Amino acid sequence: MNGKILYQYCILDKDARKQIAPQIFGSDHVAKFEDQERCIEALPLVKLKMEAFVDGEDEVVVGDILTCKLTVDYIKLEKGTRSGYVHSKHYPYLKKDNWFLIITDEQFQGLAAVEKLTVTGNQYVKEFKERIQRPGKISFTAILTNDSYKGLDQQSKVEVEVVETAVNRKRIDYLKEDIKAIKEAGIIQSALMGEEETDSDEDDEVDEATELANKLKAIGKLAEDKKND
């Protein structure tokens, strides 16, 4: 197999496997090759992809929310179908195979997550989010391992360089009038929210007319204060 692991061999094109079948099975390779192909069709062959990014940004800066996205695709599983039972001649009862996801650092010294995947279709997507606290290189290694089949495990690695301050991001300089308007809108919203919370506790004592009057009074007071300023 020229150094290929089982997974690499299984995802080869069928014609490529057929060419090396005589080297693997010998002179009676025809029947054994067909048995092998039926076995490969039944195996839970998946492809793991991992990426890390900050939504809408090209740079990763201290304080950003980093999203680590993992995608597991079943290579031979048709859309709308599900993985079947483990195939074995001597296993004593029916069993479903399970995938376990392990996320660790580059040196395999710490665990960020260990999770059993529940795959109901031909694709599984998982996202982890974390706020970045320090600059420098961050490395994630994801290991996808199967509890029933050997040689089908997957591994993916991603590296992110975190900078202290952004270089390419555009800085937006707001006008003082805009900042003041935003703050005033926030004050009004807080006042209205406060009134709503008070009213919810006294629903039996305050009718709708009184509630509306209180809100209008609060808005009028804020407008008067703004005028005095």
C-alpha atoms as a PDB file:
ATOM      1  CA  MET A   1       0.000   0.000   0.000  1.00  0.00           C
ATOM      2  CA  ASN A   2       3.073   2.252  -0.281  1.00  0.00           C
ATOM      3  CA  GLY A   3       2.844   3.492   3.287  1.00  0.00           C
ATOM      4  CA  LYS A   4      -0.849   4.443   3.124  1.00  0.00           C
ATOM      5  CA  ILE A   5      -2.985   3.972   6.205  1.00  0.00           C
ATOM      6  CA  LEU A   6      -6.357   2.227   5.940  1.00  0.00           C
ATOM      7  CA  TYR A   7      -8.294   5.497   5.623  1.00  0.00           C
ATOM      8  CA  GLN A   8      -6.081   6.762   2.790  1.00  0.00           C
ATOM      9  CA  TYR A   9      -6.462   3.451   0.985  1.00  0.00           C
ATOM     10  CA  CYS A  10     -10.258   3.474   1.346  1.00  0.00           C
ATOM     11  CA  ILE A  11     -10.686   6.963  -0.119  1.00  0.00           C
ATOM     12  CA  LEU A  12      -8.644   6.115  -3.206  1.00  0.00           C
ATOM     13  CA  ASP A  13     -10.504   5.826  -6.484  1.00  0.00           C
ATOM     14  CA  LYS A  14     -11.820   2.290  -7.037  1.00  0.00           C
ATOM     15  CA  ASP A  15      -9.736   1.901 -10.200  1.00  0.00           C
ATOM     16  CA  ALA A  16      -6.585   2.830  -8.272  1.00  0.00           C
ATOM     17  CA  ARG A  17      -7.342   0.137  -5.690  1.00  0.00           C
ATOM     18  CA  LYS A  18      -8.051  -2.361  -8.450  1.00  0.00           C
ATOM     19  CA  GLN A  19      -4.617  -1.825  -9.996  1.00  0.00           C
ATOM     20  CA  ILE A  20      -2.811  -2.797  -6.802  1.00  0.00           C
ATOM     21  CA  ALA A  21      -5.214  -5.629  -5.883  1.00  0.00           C
ATOM     22  CA  PRO A  22      -2.870  -8.355  -7.287  1.00  0.00           C
ATOM     23  CA  GLN A  23      -0.067  -7.089  -5.027  1.00  0.00           C
ATOM     24  CA  ILE A  24      -2.317  -7.274  -1.978  1.00  0.00           C
ATOM     25  CA  PHE A  25      -4.391 -10.426  -2.565  1.00  0.00           C
ATOM     26  CA  GLY A  26      -2.269 -12.456  -4.979  1.00  0.00           C
ATOM     27  CA  SER A  27      -3.416 -14.466  -7.976  1.00  0.00           C
ATOM     28  CA  ASP A  28      -7.017 -14.993  -6.791  1.00  0.00           C
ATOM     29  CA  HIS A  29      -7.503 -11.257  -6.265  1.00  0.00           C
ATOM     30  CA  VAL A  30     -10.744 -10.827  -8.262  1.00  0.00           C
ATOM     31  CA  ALA A  31     -13.215 -12.256  -5.743  1.00  0.00           C
ATOM     32  CA  LYS A  32     -11.320 -10.828  -2.763  1.00  0.00           C
ATOM     33  CA  PHE A  33     -11.244  -7.396  -4.370  1.00  0.00           C
ATOM     34  CA  GLU A  34     -15.039  -7.398  -4.757  1.00  0.00           C
ATOM     35  CA  ASP A  35     -15.426  -8.415  -1.094  1.00  0.00           C
ATOM     36  CA  GLN A  36     -13.103  -5.582  -0.148  1.00  0.00           C
ATOM     37  CA  GLU A  37     -15.159  -3.043  -2.116  1.00  0.00           C
ATOM     38  CA  ARG A  38     -18.371  -4.100  -0.395  1.00  0.00           C
ATOM     39  CA  CYS A  39     -16.624  -3.670   2.942  1.00  0.00           C
ATOM     40  CA  ILE A  40     -15.341  -0.195   2.042  1.00  0.00           C
ATOM     41  CA  GLU A  41     -18.840   0.879   1.011  1.00  0.00           C
ATOM     42  CA  ALA A  42     -20.071  -0.070   4.502  1.00  0.00           C
ATOM     43  CA  LEU A  43     -17.318   1.704   6.449  1.00  0.00           C
ATOM     44  CA  PRO A  44     -18.070   5.058   8.159  1.00  0.00           C
ATOM     45  CA  LEU A  45     -15.549   7.107   6.196  1.00  0.00           C
ATOM     46  CA  VAL A  46     -15.541  10.754   7.229  1.00  0.00           C
ATOM     47  CA  LYS A  47     -13.515  13.867   6.493  1.00  0.00           C
ATOM     48  CA  LEU A  48     -12.701  16.334   9.288  1.00  0.00           C
ATOM     49  CA  LYS A  49     -12.170  20.017   8.584  1.00  0.00           C
ATOM     50  CA  MET A  50     -11.319  22.661  11.195  1.00  0.00           C
ATOM     51  CA  GLU A  51     -11.022  26.425  10.846  1.00  0.00           C
ATOM     52  CA  ALA A  52     -10.625  29.319  13.287  1.00  0.00           C
ATOM     53  CA  PHE A  53     -11.696  32.894  12.560  1.00  0.00           C
ATOM     54  CA  VAL A  54     -13.214  36.115  13.859  1.00  0.00           C
ATOM     55  CA  ASP A  55     -16.501  36.951  12.145  1.00  0.00           C
ATOM     56  CA  GLY A  56     -16.113  39.673   9.555  1.00  0.00           C
ATOM     57  CA  GLU A  57     -12.410  40.305  10.233  1.00  0.00           C
ATOM     58  CA  ASP A  58      -9.147  39.348   8.550  1.00  0.00           C
ATOM     59  CA  GLU A  59      -7.073  39.915  11.694  1.00  0.00           C
ATOM     60  CA  VAL A  60      -7.346  38.271  15.090  1.00  0.00           C
ATOM     61  CA  VAL A  61      -6.856  40.787  17.886  1.00  0.00           C
ATOM     62  CA  VAL A  62      -6.739  40.480  21.672  1.00  0.00           C
ATOM     63  CA  GLY A  63     -10.295  40.841  22.959  1.00  0.00           C
ATOM     64  CA  ASP A  64     -11.908  39.326  19.858  1.00  0.00           C
ATOM     65  CA  ILE A  65     -14.310  36.387  20.021  1.00  0.00           C
ATOM     66  CA  LEU A  66     -12.585  33.532  18.203  1.00  0.00           C
ATOM     67  CA  THR A  67     -14.808  30.943  16.533  1.00  0.00           C
ATOM     68  CA  CYS A  68     -13.425  27.441  16.066  1.00  0.00           C
ATOM     69  CA  LYS A  69     -15.581  25.587  13.531  1.00  0.00           C
ATOM     70  CA  LEU A  70     -15.376  21.852  12.895  1.00  0.00           C
ATOM     71  CA  THR A  71     -17.113  20.101  10.020  1.00  0.00           C
ATOM     72  CA  VAL A  72     -17.450  16.324   9.712  1.00  0.00           C
ATOM     73  CA  ASP A  73     -18.589  15.028   6.321  1.00  0.00           C
ATOM     74  CA  TYR A  74     -19.499  11.416   5.604  1.00  0.00           C
ATOM     75  CA  ILE A  75     -17.783  10.649   2.307  1.00  0.00           C
ATOM     76  CA  LYS A  76     -19.889   7.702   1.112  1.00  0.00           C
ATOM     77  CA  LEU A  77     -23.133   8.351   2.973  1.00  0.00           C
ATOM     78  CA  GLU A  78     -25.883   9.505   0.626  1.00  0.00           C
ATOM     79  CA  LYS A  79     -28.019  12.480   1.595  1.00  0.00           C
ATOM     80  CA  GLY A  80     -31.066  11.467   3.606  1.00  0.00           C
ATOM     81  CA  THR A  81     -29.527   8.210   4.867  1.00  0.00           C
ATOM     82  CA  ARG A  82     -27.867   7.357   8.180  1.00  0.00           C
ATOM     83  CA  SER A  83     -24.895   5.267   9.191  1.00  0.00           C
ATOM     84  CA  GLY A  84     -25.853   1.645   9.899  1.00  0.00           C
ATOM     85  CA  TYR A  85     -24.754  -0.913  12.467  1.00  0.00           C
ATOM     86  CA  VAL A  86     -21.188  -2.068  12.952  1.00  0.00           C
ATOM     87  CA  HIS A  87     -20.373  -4.915  10.574  1.00  0.00           C
ATOM     88  CA  SER A  88     -18.733  -7.896  12.261  1.00  0.00           C
ATOM     89  CA  LYS A  89     -19.171 -11.649  11.946  1.00  0.00           C
ATOM     90  CA  HIS A  90     -18.557 -12.424  15.602  1.00  0.00           C
ATOM     91  CA  TYR A  91     -19.839  -9.405  17.562  1.00  0.00           C
ATOM     92  CA  PRO A  92     -22.551 -10.712  19.944  1.00  0.00           C
ATOM     93  CA  TYR A  93     -25.196  -7.998  19.353  1.00  0.00           C
ATOM     94  CA  LEU A  94     -26.091  -5.033  17.132  1.00  0.00           C
ATOM     95  CA  LYS A  95     -24.044  -1.934  17.821  1.00  0.00           C
ATOM     96  CA  LYS A  96     -23.816   1.561  16.393  1.00  0.00           C
ATOM     97  CA  ASP A  97     -20.375   3.068  15.990  1.00  0.00           C
ATOM     98  CA  ASN A  98     -19.709   6.396  17.723  1.00  0.00           C
ATOM     99  CA  TRP A  99     -17.379   9.262  16.973  1.00  0.00           C
ATOM    100  CA  PHE A 100     -15.615  11.150  19.760  1.00  0.00           C
ATOM    101  CA  LEU A 101     -14.150  14.604  19.247  1.00  0.00           C
ATOM    102  CA  ILE A 102     -11.113  15.706  21.259  1.00  0.00           C
ATOM    103  CA  ILE A 103      -9.744  19.253  21.028  1.00  0.00           C
ATOM    104  CA  THR A 104      -6.330  19.822  22.552  1.00  0.00           C
ATOM    105  CA  ASP A 105      -3.271  22.026  22.176  1.00  0.00           C
ATOM    106  CA  GLU A 106      -0.276  21.500  19.920  1.00  0.00           C
ATOM    107  CA  GLN A 107       1.673  19.513  22.526  1.00  0.00           C
ATOM    108  CA  PHE A 108      -1.361  17.443  23.627  1.00  0.00           C
ATOM    109  CA  GLN A 109      -0.909  18.788  27.150  1.00  0.00           C
ATOM    110  CA  GLY A 110      -4.377  20.141  27.810  1.00  0.00           C
ATOM    111  CA  LEU A 111      -7.947  19.372  26.794  1.00  0.00           C
ATOM    112  CA  ALA A 112     -10.223  22.111  25.506  1.00  0.00           C
ATOM    113  CA  ALA A 113     -13.149  19.774  24.799  1.00  0.00           C
ATOM    114  CA  VAL A 114     -14.119  16.110  24.710  1.00  0.00           C
ATOM    115  CA  GLU A 115     -17.451  15.397  23.118  1.00  0.00           C
ATOM    116  CA  LYS A 116     -19.409  12.468  21.742  1.00  0.00           C
ATOM    117  CA  LEU A 117     -20.863  13.401  18.362  1.00  0.00           C
ATOM    118  CA  THR A 118     -24.447  12.661  17.481  1.00  0.00           C
ATOM    119  CA  VAL A 119     -24.513  12.560  13.682  1.00  0.00           C
ATOM    120  CA  THR A 120     -28.027  12.295  12.241  1.00  0.00           C
ATOM    121  CA  GLY A 121     -27.174  13.070   8.612  1.00  0.00           C
ATOM    122  CA  ASN A 122     -24.215  13.103   6.273  1.00  0.00           C
ATOM    123  CA  GLN A 123     -22.709  16.238   7.851  1.00  0.00           C
ATOM    124  CA  TYR A 124     -22.032  17.446  11.374  1.00  0.00           C
ATOM    125  CA  VAL A 125     -20.985  21.013  12.279  1.00  0.00           C
ATOM    126  CA  LYS A 126     -19.788  22.160  15.696  1.00  0.00           C
ATOM    127  CA  GLU A 127     -18.649  25.626  16.774  1.00  0.00           C
ATOM    128  CA  PHE A 128     -16.713  26.688  19.858  1.00  0.00           C
ATOM    129  CA  LYS A 129     -16.373  30.359  20.798  1.00  0.00           C
ATOM    130  CA  GLU A 130     -13.822  31.875  23.148  1.00  0.00           C
ATOM    131  CA  ARG A 131     -12.605  35.387  23.903  1.00  0.00           C
ATOM    132  CA  ILE A 132      -8.883  35.815  23.237  1.00  0.00           C
ATOM    133  CA  GLN A 133      -6.927  37.053  26.245  1.00  0.00           C
ATOM    134  CA  ARG A 134      -3.315  37.303  25.024  1.00  0.00           C
ATOM    135  CA  PRO A 135      -1.304  37.925  21.848  1.00  0.00           C
ATOM    136  CA  GLY A 136       0.828  35.306  20.104  1.00  0.00           C
ATOM    137  CA  LYS A 137       0.256  32.013  18.312  1.00  0.00           C
ATOM    138  CA  ILE A 138      -2.676  29.828  19.282  1.00  0.00           C
ATOM    139  CA  SER A 139      -2.744  26.241  18.018  1.00  0.00           C
ATOM    140  CA  PHE A 140      -5.692  23.860  18.123  1.00  0.00           C
ATOM    141  CA  THR A 141      -5.570  20.162  17.299  1.00  0.00           C
ATOM    142  CA  ALA A 142      -8.798  18.244  16.747  1.00  0.00           C
ATOM    143  CA  ILE A 143      -8.834  14.458  16.925  1.00  0.00           C
ATOM    144  CA  LEU A 144     -11.844  12.524  15.688  1.00  0.00           C
ATOM    145  CA  THR A 145     -11.767   8.909  16.809  1.00  0.00           C
ATOM    146  CA  ASN A 146     -14.169   6.013  16.254  1.00  0.00           C
ATOM    147  CA  ASP A 147     -14.950   3.558  19.054  1.00  0.00           C
ATOM    148  CA  SER A 148     -15.584   0.617  16.730  1.00  0.00           C
ATOM    149  CA  TYR A 149     -13.194   0.842  13.771  1.00  0.00           C
ATOM    150  CA  LYS A 150      -9.419   1.109  13.768  1.00  0.00           C
ATOM    151  CA  GLY A 151      -7.582   3.086  11.113  1.00  0.00           C
ATOM    152  CA  LEU A 152     -10.373   5.560  10.324  1.00  0.00           C
ATOM    153  CA  ASP A 153      -9.519   8.273  12.873  1.00  0.00           C
ATOM    154  CA  GLN A 154      -9.025  11.840  11.673  1.00  0.00           C
ATOM    155  CA  GLN A 155      -6.840  14.693  12.856  1.00  0.00           C
ATOM    156  CA  SER A 156      -6.868  18.359  11.912  1.00  0.00           C
ATOM    157  CA  LYS A 157      -4.789  21.295  13.093  1.00  0.00           C
ATOM    158  CA  VAL A 158      -5.217  25.061  12.843  1.00  0.00           C
ATOM    159  CA  GLU A 159      -2.974  27.925  13.927  1.00  0.00           C
ATOM    160  CA  VAL A 160      -3.992  31.519  14.608  1.00  0.00           C
ATOM    161  CA  GLU A 161      -1.672  34.480  15.099  1.00  0.00           C
ATOM    162  CA  VAL A 162      -3.126  36.952  17.592  1.00  0.00           C
ATOM    163  CA  VAL A 163      -1.947  40.577  17.555  1.00  0.00           C
ATOM    164  CA  GLU A 164      -2.148  43.122  20.350  1.00  0.00           C
ATOM    165  CA  THR A 165      -3.727  45.865  18.219  1.00  0.00           C
ATOM    166  CA  ALA A 166      -5.379  45.840  14.807  1.00  0.00           C
ATOM    167  CA  VAL A 167      -3.433  47.096  11.801  1.00  0.00           C
ATOM    168  CA  ASN A 168      -5.789  46.713   8.852  1.00  0.00           C
ATOM    169  CA  ARG A 169      -9.106  47.435  10.487  1.00  0.00           C
ATOM    170  CA  LYS A 170     -10.770  50.718   9.655  1.00  0.00           C
ATOM    171  CA  ARG A 171     -11.260  53.026  12.590  1.00  0.00           C
ATOM    172  CA  ILE A 172     -14.594  54.818  12.656  1.00  0.00           C
ATOM    173  CA  ASP A 173     -14.515  58.309  14.183  1.00  0.00           C
ATOM    174  CA  TYR A 174     -18.040  59.178  15.272  1.00  0.00           C
ATOM    175  CA  LEU A 175     -19.196  62.778  15.539  1.00  0.00           C
ATOM    176  CA  LYS A 176     -19.821  64.127  19.029  1.00  0.00           C
ATOM    177  CA  GLU A 177     -23.453  64.750  18.088  1.00  0.00           C
ATOM    178  CA  ASP A 178     -23.883  61.077  17.098  1.00  0.00           C
ATOM    179  CA  ILE A 179     -22.301  59.830  20.331  1.00  0.00           C
ATOM    180  CA  LYS A 180     -24.537  62.151  22.368  1.00  0.00           C
ATOM    181  CA  ALA A 181     -27.634  60.971  20.467  1.00  0.00           C
ATOM    182  CA  ILE A 182     -26.745  57.320  21.084  1.00  0.00           C
ATOM    183  CA  LYS A 183     -26.251  57.969  24.801  1.00  0.00           C
ATOM    184  CA  GLU A 184     -29.562  59.821  25.044  1.00  0.00           C
ATOM    185  CA  ALA A 185     -31.350  57.005  23.246  1.00  0.00           C
ATOM    186  CA  GLY A 186     -29.823  54.572  25.713  1.00  0.00           C
ATOM    187  CA  ILE A 187     -31.029  56.671  28.657  1.00  0.00           C
ATOM    188  CA  ILE A 188     -34.567  56.775  27.280  1.00  0.00           C
ATOM    189  CA  GLN A 189     -34.566  53.023  26.672  1.00  0.00           C
ATOM    190  CA  SER A 190     -33.273  52.360  30.186  1.00  0.00           C
ATOM    191  CA  ALA A 191     -35.974  54.605  31.630  1.00  0.00           C
ATOM    192  CA  LEU A 192     -38.682  52.837  29.678  1.00  0.00           C
ATOM    193  CA  MET A 193     -37.307  49.430  30.643  1.00  0.00           C
ATOM    194  CA  GLY A 194     -37.296  50.504  34.252  1.00  0.00           C
ATOM    195  CA  GLU A 195     -40.891  51.581  34.022  1.00  0.00           C
ATOM    196  CA  GLU A 196     -41.854  48.284  32.408  1.00  0.00           C
ATOM    197  CA  GLU A 197     -40.208  46.308  35.214  1.00  0.00           C
ATOM    198  CA  THR A 198     -41.996  48.393  37.850  1.00  0.00           C
ATOM    199  CA  ASP A 199     -45.310  48.038  36.085  1.00  0.00           C
ATOM    200  CA  SER A 200     -44.957  44.266  35.807  1.00  0.00           C
ATOM    201  CA  ASP A 201     -44.733  44.028  39.587  1.00  0.00           C
ATOM    202  CA  GLU A 202     -47.816  46.195  40.088  1.00  0.00           C
ATOM    203  CA  ASP A 203     -50.143  44.985  37.347  1.00  0.00           C
ATOM    204  CA  ASP A 204     -53.065  44.782  39.755  1.00  0.00           C
ATOM    205  CA  GLU A 205     -52.696  48.400  40.891  1.00  0.00           C
ATOM    206  CA  VAL A 206     -51.812  50.302  37.698  1.00  0.00           C
ATOM    207  CA  ASP A 207     -54.093  50.276  34.670  1.00  0.00           C
ATOM    208  CA  GLU A 208     -53.010  50.833  31.058  1.00  0.00           C
ATOM    209  CA  ALA A 209     -53.851  54.544  31.082  1.00  0.00           C
ATOM    210  CA  THR A 210     -51.671  55.180  34.132  1.00  0.00           C
ATOM    211  CA  GLU A 211     -48.860  53.129  32.640  1.00  0.00           C
ATOM    212  CA  LEU A 212     -48.914  55.192  29.432  1.00  0.00           C
ATOM    213  CA  ALA A 213     -49.004  58.418  31.393  1.00  0.00           C
ATOM    214  CA  ASN A 214     -45.970  57.381  33.431  1.00  0.00           C
ATOM    215  CA  LYS A 215     -43.990  56.570  30.300  1.00  0.00           C
ATOM    216  CA  LEU A 216     -44.896  59.879  28.657  1.00  0.00           C
ATOM    217  CA  LYS A 217     -43.955  61.695  31.835  1.00  0.00           C
ATOM    218  CA  ALA A 218     -40.545  59.967  31.885  1.00  0.00           C
ATOM    219  CA  ILE A 219     -39.896  60.909  28.264  1.00  0.00           C
ATOM    220  CA  GLY A 220     -40.980  64.487  28.904  1.00  0.00           C
ATOM    221  CA  LYS A 221     -38.639  64.776  31.884  1.00  0.00           C
ATOM    222  CA  LEU A 222     -35.709  63.496  29.826  1.00  0.00           C
ATOM    223  CA  ALA A 223     -36.522  65.965  27.048  1.00  0.00           C
ATOM    224  CA  GLU A 224     -36.688  68.823  29.593  1.00  0.00           C
ATOM    225  CA  ASP A 225     -33.316  67.820  31.060  1.00  0.00           C
ATOM    226  CA  LYS A 226     -31.826  67.701  27.557  1.00  0.00           C
ATOM    227  CA  LYS A 227     -33.190  71.224  26.844  1.00  0.00           C
ATOM    228  CA  ASN A 228     -31.673  72.583  30.077  1.00  0.00           C
ATOM    229  CA  ASP A 229     -28.309  71.070  29.152  1.00  0.00           C
END
